[in-house]
Protein backbone atom coordinates (compact mmCIF):
# COMPACT_ATOMS: atom_id res chain seq x y z
CA MET A 1 0.00 0.00 0.00
CA ALA A 2 2.82 2.39 0.84
CA SER A 3 4.52 1.91 -2.58
CA VAL A 4 1.28 2.65 -4.44
CA GLU A 5 0.73 5.75 -2.33
CA ARG A 6 4.26 6.93 -3.08
CA ILE A 7 3.86 6.43 -6.84
CA GLN A 8 0.66 8.46 -6.76
CA ARG A 9 2.45 11.18 -4.78
CA LEU A 10 5.37 11.30 -7.24
CA LEU A 11 2.97 11.68 -10.15
CA ARG A 12 1.13 14.44 -8.28
CA LEU A 13 4.45 16.15 -7.54
CA ALA A 14 5.51 16.03 -11.21
CA GLU A 15 2.11 17.40 -12.22
CA LEU A 16 2.45 20.35 -9.84
CA LEU A 17 5.95 21.19 -11.04
CA GLN A 18 4.82 21.08 -14.68
CA SER A 19 1.95 23.52 -14.05
CA GLY A 20 4.11 26.58 -14.68
CA ARG A 21 4.00 27.73 -11.06
CA THR A 22 6.88 27.77 -8.63
CA TYR A 23 6.33 25.85 -5.39
CA ASN A 24 8.47 25.91 -2.26
CA SER A 25 8.95 22.76 -0.19
CA LEU A 26 6.30 23.77 2.35
CA GLN A 27 3.67 24.27 -0.38
CA LEU A 28 4.55 20.95 -2.01
CA ALA A 29 4.35 19.21 1.35
CA ASP A 30 0.91 20.73 1.93
CA GLN A 31 -0.34 19.74 -1.53
CA CYS A 32 0.93 16.17 -1.16
CA ALA A 33 0.02 15.86 2.56
CA VAL A 34 3.50 14.76 3.64
CA SER A 35 6.45 16.26 5.53
CA ARG A 36 9.06 18.53 3.94
CA ARG A 37 11.66 15.82 4.49
CA THR A 38 9.57 13.44 2.38
CA ILE A 39 9.25 16.09 -0.34
CA PHE A 40 13.03 16.50 -0.51
CA ARG A 41 13.40 12.71 -0.90
CA ASP A 42 10.75 12.66 -3.63
CA LEU A 43 12.38 15.55 -5.50
CA LYS A 44 15.70 13.75 -5.44
CA MET A 45 14.05 10.59 -6.78
CA LEU A 46 12.43 12.51 -9.65
CA GLN A 47 15.79 14.11 -10.48
CA LEU A 48 17.46 10.69 -10.52
CA ALA A 49 14.71 9.53 -12.88
CA GLY A 50 15.79 12.22 -15.35
CA LEU A 51 13.35 15.07 -14.70
CA PRO A 52 15.19 18.44 -14.85
CA ILE A 53 13.80 19.96 -11.69
CA VAL A 54 15.06 23.53 -11.22
CA TYR A 55 15.37 25.43 -7.95
CA ASP A 56 14.78 29.19 -8.37
CA LYS A 57 16.79 30.98 -5.67
CA GLN A 58 14.97 34.26 -6.21
CA LYS A 59 11.50 32.74 -5.81
CA GLN A 60 12.81 30.08 -3.42
CA GLY A 61 10.85 27.35 -5.14
CA TYR A 62 10.97 24.45 -7.56
CA TRP A 63 9.60 24.14 -11.10
CA LEU A 64 9.77 22.23 -14.38
CA SER A 65 9.87 24.05 -17.72
CA ASN A 66 6.94 23.51 -20.08
CA THR A 67 9.25 21.69 -22.46
CA SER A 68 10.07 19.10 -19.80
CA LEU A 69 6.86 17.13 -20.06
CA LEU A 70 6.78 13.49 -19.00
CA PRO A 71 7.55 11.33 -22.06
CA PRO A 72 4.86 8.96 -23.37
CA THR A 73 5.19 5.48 -21.91
CA GLU A 74 5.60 2.48 -24.17
CA PHE A 75 4.47 -0.64 -22.32
CA THR A 76 6.03 -4.02 -22.98
CA VAL A 77 3.72 -6.95 -23.71
CA HIS A 78 4.03 -8.22 -20.15
CA GLU A 79 3.42 -4.75 -18.67
CA THR A 80 0.35 -4.38 -20.89
CA LEU A 81 -0.89 -7.81 -19.84
CA SER A 82 -0.53 -6.94 -16.14
CA MET A 83 -2.38 -3.65 -16.61
CA LEU A 84 -5.19 -5.35 -18.54
CA VAL A 85 -5.65 -8.12 -15.97
CA LEU A 86 -5.73 -5.70 -13.05
CA CYS A 87 -8.05 -3.20 -14.75
CA HIS A 88 -10.37 -5.86 -16.14
CA GLU A 89 -10.74 -7.87 -12.95
CA LEU A 90 -10.64 -5.17 -10.26
CA GLY A 91 -12.96 -2.96 -12.31
CA ASP A 92 -15.64 -5.65 -12.54
CA ASP A 93 -18.86 -4.41 -10.90
CA ALA A 94 -19.79 -7.84 -9.52
CA ARG A 95 -16.41 -9.21 -8.40
CA GLY A 96 -13.99 -6.29 -8.26
CA ILE A 97 -13.45 -3.30 -6.01
CA PRO A 98 -16.54 -1.07 -5.74
CA PHE A 99 -16.57 2.17 -7.76
CA GLN A 100 -13.59 1.21 -9.95
CA GLY A 101 -15.56 0.51 -13.11
CA HIS A 102 -13.57 3.10 -15.04
CA ALA A 103 -10.61 0.73 -14.83
CA ARG A 104 -12.43 -1.60 -17.24
CA LEU A 105 -12.91 1.26 -19.69
CA ALA A 106 -9.18 1.96 -19.43
CA ALA A 107 -8.47 -1.70 -20.19
CA VAL A 108 -10.63 -1.56 -23.31
CA LYS A 109 -8.83 1.59 -24.51
CA LEU A 110 -5.44 0.07 -23.83
CA LEU A 111 -6.33 -3.12 -25.70
CA SER A 112 -7.85 -1.27 -28.66
CA ASN A 113 -4.67 0.79 -29.13
CA LEU A 114 -2.45 -2.26 -29.46
CA PRO A 115 -1.20 -3.32 -32.88
CA SER A 116 -3.53 -5.92 -34.41
CA HIS A 117 -0.94 -8.72 -34.21
CA LEU A 118 -0.59 -8.15 -30.44
CA ARG A 119 -4.25 -7.44 -29.67
CA GLU A 120 -5.42 -11.02 -30.19
CA TYR A 121 -2.41 -12.49 -28.40
CA VAL A 122 -2.76 -10.29 -25.31
CA GLY A 123 -6.56 -10.65 -25.34
CA GLU A 124 -6.30 -14.45 -25.20
CA LEU A 125 -3.79 -14.28 -22.35
CA THR A 126 -6.04 -11.87 -20.43
CA GLU A 127 -8.95 -14.30 -20.66
CA SER A 128 -6.80 -17.10 -19.23
CA ILE A 129 -5.74 -15.15 -16.11
CA SER A 130 -8.20 -14.26 -13.33
CA LEU A 131 -8.09 -12.61 -9.92
CA ARG A 132 -10.34 -13.37 -6.96
CA ILE A 133 -10.53 -10.91 -4.08
CA ASP A 134 -12.06 -11.49 -0.67
CA PRO A 135 -15.85 -11.20 -0.33
CA ARG A 136 -16.63 -7.50 -0.01
CA ASN A 137 -19.44 -5.07 0.57
CA PRO A 138 -20.74 -4.07 -2.90
CA LEU A 139 -21.76 -0.69 -1.40
CA GLU A 140 -24.73 -0.39 -3.73
CA GLY A 141 -26.19 3.08 -3.34
CA TRP A 142 -23.09 4.54 -1.68
CA ARG A 143 -21.24 5.68 -4.81
CA ARG A 144 -22.33 9.28 -4.24
CA HIS A 145 -20.71 9.27 -0.80
CA TYR A 146 -17.48 7.82 -2.20
CA VAL A 147 -17.34 10.45 -4.96
CA LEU A 148 -18.12 13.27 -2.50
CA LEU A 149 -15.39 12.12 -0.10
CA ALA A 150 -12.83 11.81 -2.91
CA ASP A 151 -13.66 15.37 -4.01
CA ALA A 152 -13.46 16.58 -0.43
CA VAL A 153 -9.97 15.09 0.02
CA ARG A 154 -8.82 16.65 -3.24
CA GLN A 155 -10.20 20.09 -2.36
CA ARG A 156 -9.35 19.82 1.37
CA ARG A 157 -12.95 20.63 2.34
CA GLN A 158 -14.73 19.36 5.44
CA VAL A 159 -17.73 17.06 5.31
CA ARG A 160 -20.67 16.75 7.67
CA ILE A 161 -21.69 13.07 7.97
CA ASP A 162 -24.45 11.16 9.72
CA TYR A 163 -23.01 7.77 10.62
CA HIS A 164 -24.25 4.47 12.05
CA SER A 165 -21.59 3.71 14.64
CA LEU A 166 -21.29 0.07 15.68
CA ALA A 167 -18.83 0.95 18.45
CA GLU A 168 -21.19 3.52 19.99
CA GLU A 169 -24.34 1.57 19.04
CA GLN A 170 -26.13 4.67 17.81
CA GLU A 171 -26.44 7.18 14.99
CA ILE A 172 -23.93 10.00 15.31
CA SER A 173 -23.26 13.24 13.46
CA THR A 174 -19.77 14.66 13.12
CA LEU A 175 -17.75 17.20 11.18
CA LEU A 176 -15.11 15.22 9.31
CA SER A 177 -11.81 16.41 7.85
CA PRO A 178 -11.01 13.50 5.50
CA TYR A 179 -7.30 12.65 5.19
CA ARG A 180 -7.31 9.38 3.26
CA ILE A 181 -9.70 6.97 1.54
CA LEU A 182 -8.73 3.32 1.94
CA PHE A 183 -10.04 0.04 0.54
CA ASN A 184 -9.27 -2.77 2.97
CA ARG A 185 -10.44 -6.35 2.34
CA ARG A 186 -14.17 -5.84 2.61
CA SER A 187 -15.07 -2.19 2.12
CA TRP A 188 -14.03 1.41 1.53
CA TYR A 189 -13.10 3.49 4.57
CA VAL A 190 -12.42 7.18 5.10
CA ILE A 191 -9.85 8.20 7.69
CA GLY A 192 -9.86 11.71 9.08
CA ARG A 193 -10.30 13.96 12.08
CA SER A 194 -13.74 13.82 13.68
CA SER A 195 -15.02 16.89 15.54
CA LEU A 196 -17.21 14.70 17.74
CA HIS A 197 -14.33 12.49 18.91
CA ARG A 198 -11.67 15.22 18.70
CA ALA A 199 -9.35 12.65 17.18
CA ILE A 200 -8.55 10.87 13.93
CA ARG A 201 -11.05 8.08 13.32
CA THR A 202 -11.89 5.46 10.69
CA PHE A 203 -15.38 5.43 9.15
CA ASN A 204 -16.86 2.70 6.94
CA VAL A 205 -18.30 4.39 3.84
CA GLY A 206 -21.12 1.82 3.84
CA ARG A 207 -22.37 3.10 7.20
CA ILE A 208 -22.61 6.74 6.20
CA GLY A 209 -26.25 7.71 6.07
CA LYS A 210 -25.84 11.29 4.88
CA ALA A 211 -22.88 13.34 3.71
CA GLU A 212 -22.62 17.02 2.85
CA MET A 213 -19.51 18.85 1.66
CA LEU A 214 -18.99 22.20 3.39
CA LYS A 215 -17.10 25.35 2.41
CA SER A 216 -14.80 25.16 5.43
CA ARG A 217 -11.30 23.88 4.71
CA TYR A 218 -8.66 21.98 6.65
CA ARG A 219 -5.02 20.95 6.51
CA ILE A 220 -3.64 17.45 6.83
CA PRO A 221 -0.92 17.32 9.51
CA PRO A 222 2.50 17.04 7.80
CA ARG A 223 3.45 13.98 9.84
CA PHE A 224 0.25 12.07 9.17
CA SER A 225 0.54 8.73 7.36
CA LEU A 226 -1.53 5.57 7.31
CA ASP A 227 1.42 3.55 8.64
CA ARG A 228 1.77 5.83 11.64
CA TYR A 229 -1.99 5.96 12.21
CA PHE A 230 -2.57 2.19 12.14
CA GLY A 231 0.68 1.40 13.95
CA ASN A 232 0.82 -2.33 14.64
CA ALA A 233 -2.92 -2.93 14.36
CA TRP A 234 -3.65 -6.43 13.08
CA SER A 235 -5.91 -4.85 10.44
CA LEU A 236 -7.77 -1.59 10.98
CA ILE A 237 -8.35 -1.19 14.71
CA ARG A 238 -5.38 0.06 16.72
CA GLU A 239 -5.73 -0.10 20.50
CA PRO A 240 -3.31 2.50 21.93
CA GLY A 241 -1.34 1.35 24.97
CA LYS A 242 -2.19 -2.32 24.41
CA ARG A 243 0.81 -3.53 22.42
CA CYS A 244 1.37 -7.26 22.86
CA ASP A 245 3.79 -9.89 21.64
CA VAL A 246 1.75 -12.84 20.40
CA VAL A 247 2.93 -16.40 19.72
CA VAL A 248 0.59 -18.87 18.02
CA ARG A 249 1.57 -22.51 17.34
CA PHE A 250 0.04 -23.94 14.17
CA GLN A 251 -0.27 -27.67 13.60
CA LYS A 252 1.24 -29.40 10.55
CA MET A 253 -2.03 -29.44 8.62
CA VAL A 254 -2.06 -25.63 8.24
CA ALA A 255 1.52 -24.66 9.10
CA HIS A 256 2.75 -24.30 5.52
CA ASN A 257 -0.37 -22.36 4.54
CA VAL A 258 0.27 -19.87 7.34
CA ALA A 259 4.01 -19.60 6.64
CA GLU A 260 3.44 -18.81 2.95
CA VAL A 261 1.45 -15.63 3.62
CA HIS A 262 2.73 -12.25 4.81
CA TRP A 263 0.01 -11.50 7.36
CA HIS A 264 1.60 -8.63 9.27
CA LYS A 265 4.64 -6.36 9.01
CA THR A 266 6.09 -7.62 12.33
CA GLN A 267 5.64 -11.35 11.84
CA THR A 268 8.38 -13.95 12.20
CA THR A 269 8.04 -17.72 11.96
CA VAL A 270 9.99 -20.57 13.55
CA TRP A 271 9.67 -24.20 12.48
CA ASN A 272 9.68 -26.79 15.25
CA GLU A 273 11.17 -30.29 14.96
CA ASP A 274 7.70 -31.90 15.04
CA GLY A 275 6.59 -29.93 11.96
CA THR A 276 4.54 -27.34 13.82
CA LEU A 277 5.07 -23.63 13.26
CA ASP A 278 5.44 -20.88 15.86
CA PHE A 279 4.03 -17.65 14.45
CA ARG A 280 5.21 -14.50 16.26
CA VAL A 281 3.78 -11.03 15.83
CA THR A 282 3.56 -7.73 17.75
CA VAL A 283 0.13 -6.10 17.63
CA ASP A 284 -1.51 -2.99 19.08
CA GLY A 285 -4.50 -4.72 20.66
CA LEU A 286 -5.85 -8.26 20.61
CA GLY A 287 -9.42 -7.60 19.47
CA GLU A 288 -8.91 -8.29 15.75
CA ILE A 289 -6.37 -11.11 15.87
CA ILE A 290 -8.67 -13.22 18.06
CA TRP A 291 -11.04 -13.87 15.14
CA TRP A 292 -8.18 -14.79 12.83
CA ILE A 293 -6.87 -17.37 15.31
CA LEU A 294 -10.33 -18.84 15.93
CA GLY A 295 -10.70 -19.33 12.18
CA TYR A 296 -8.09 -22.09 12.37
CA GLY A 297 -10.02 -24.03 15.01
CA ASP A 298 -8.05 -26.77 16.75
CA GLN A 299 -5.09 -26.26 14.40
CA ALA A 300 -3.95 -23.13 16.26
CA GLU A 301 -2.89 -22.78 19.89
CA VAL A 302 -2.02 -19.47 21.55
CA ILE A 303 1.24 -19.86 23.45
CA GLU A 304 1.36 -16.29 24.71
CA PRO A 305 0.27 -13.88 26.06
CA ARG A 306 -1.76 -15.45 28.85
CA GLN A 307 -4.46 -12.81 28.40
CA LEU A 308 -5.06 -13.95 24.83
CA ARG A 309 -5.20 -17.61 25.88
CA LYS A 310 -7.92 -16.71 28.38
CA GLU A 311 -9.90 -14.79 25.77
CA ILE A 312 -9.70 -17.65 23.26
CA LYS A 313 -10.80 -20.11 25.97
CA LYS A 314 -13.74 -17.85 26.79
CA ARG A 315 -14.87 -17.83 23.15
CA ILE A 316 -14.51 -21.61 22.86
CA THR A 317 -16.53 -22.10 26.04
CA GLY A 318 -19.26 -19.90 24.61
CA MET A 319 -19.26 -21.88 21.36
CA GLN A 320 -19.43 -25.15 23.26
CA ALA A 321 -22.47 -23.94 25.20
CA MET A 322 -24.12 -22.82 21.97
CA TYR A 323 -23.69 -26.21 20.31
CA ALA A 324 -24.27 -28.37 23.39
């Protein structure tokens, strides 16, 4: 996710510098919602890539001349194939990521512009490769909220939302300064500062009942990033002050399956002589990882911490009573 975000930021940076205006590092940082240090790194990367970025000492800013436009990109066959597969599959209304239908139109345009001798070849390969993503919320009827939030982030304008909060078990209304829009496994989320909570919060787009863009504007803190915000959360819910080292022992039946997947940025694995696998991870809160462990049934045993063992035992006891 971080690499995709950086590519988008570099393209945005190049676009700003090609606009004819001169931007100083603070303005670029504000436009790209990152720190000045990050901007300096990005500028250096663009210069290494061959873009003649000029620093104007008099105006104390950076710019690209109008003649220094980004050159047209010529994709290789394999690059074209990858683009077509991703656009075609992820842009599918029924199986792909909600609201990304334009990706399919892009795939059609890309395919139609290929030379005739390559069009049939790449088309056949595209049909033979498929992607399957996790079951997700289709968010039917919520496109307008997604579009409004995307516009709000672009224009840095606040949004008033009515929201069905599962955590608070009630309908709430808050003034939201949206920082990022994120698709994670099942749904789209918007992350931003909530006036009601006086903190940065995550909101599921599918639970927004009403959204209205306001004229009031906001600034994204220079040090804000999704990595810093989520910390070591197992997925989306970070529990501040509850960092734990977790060890789960997986039996041979599922051990290789677990070891093959990169589940978390802190994970390490150790194979035992009997073929079992010790999976180690550091998480900010145990609430989310509990359900992942329970999904493996009797093939997963929590070794530590003791608190997590007790919680798993409590869930198993409840299940046993339900099925007794």
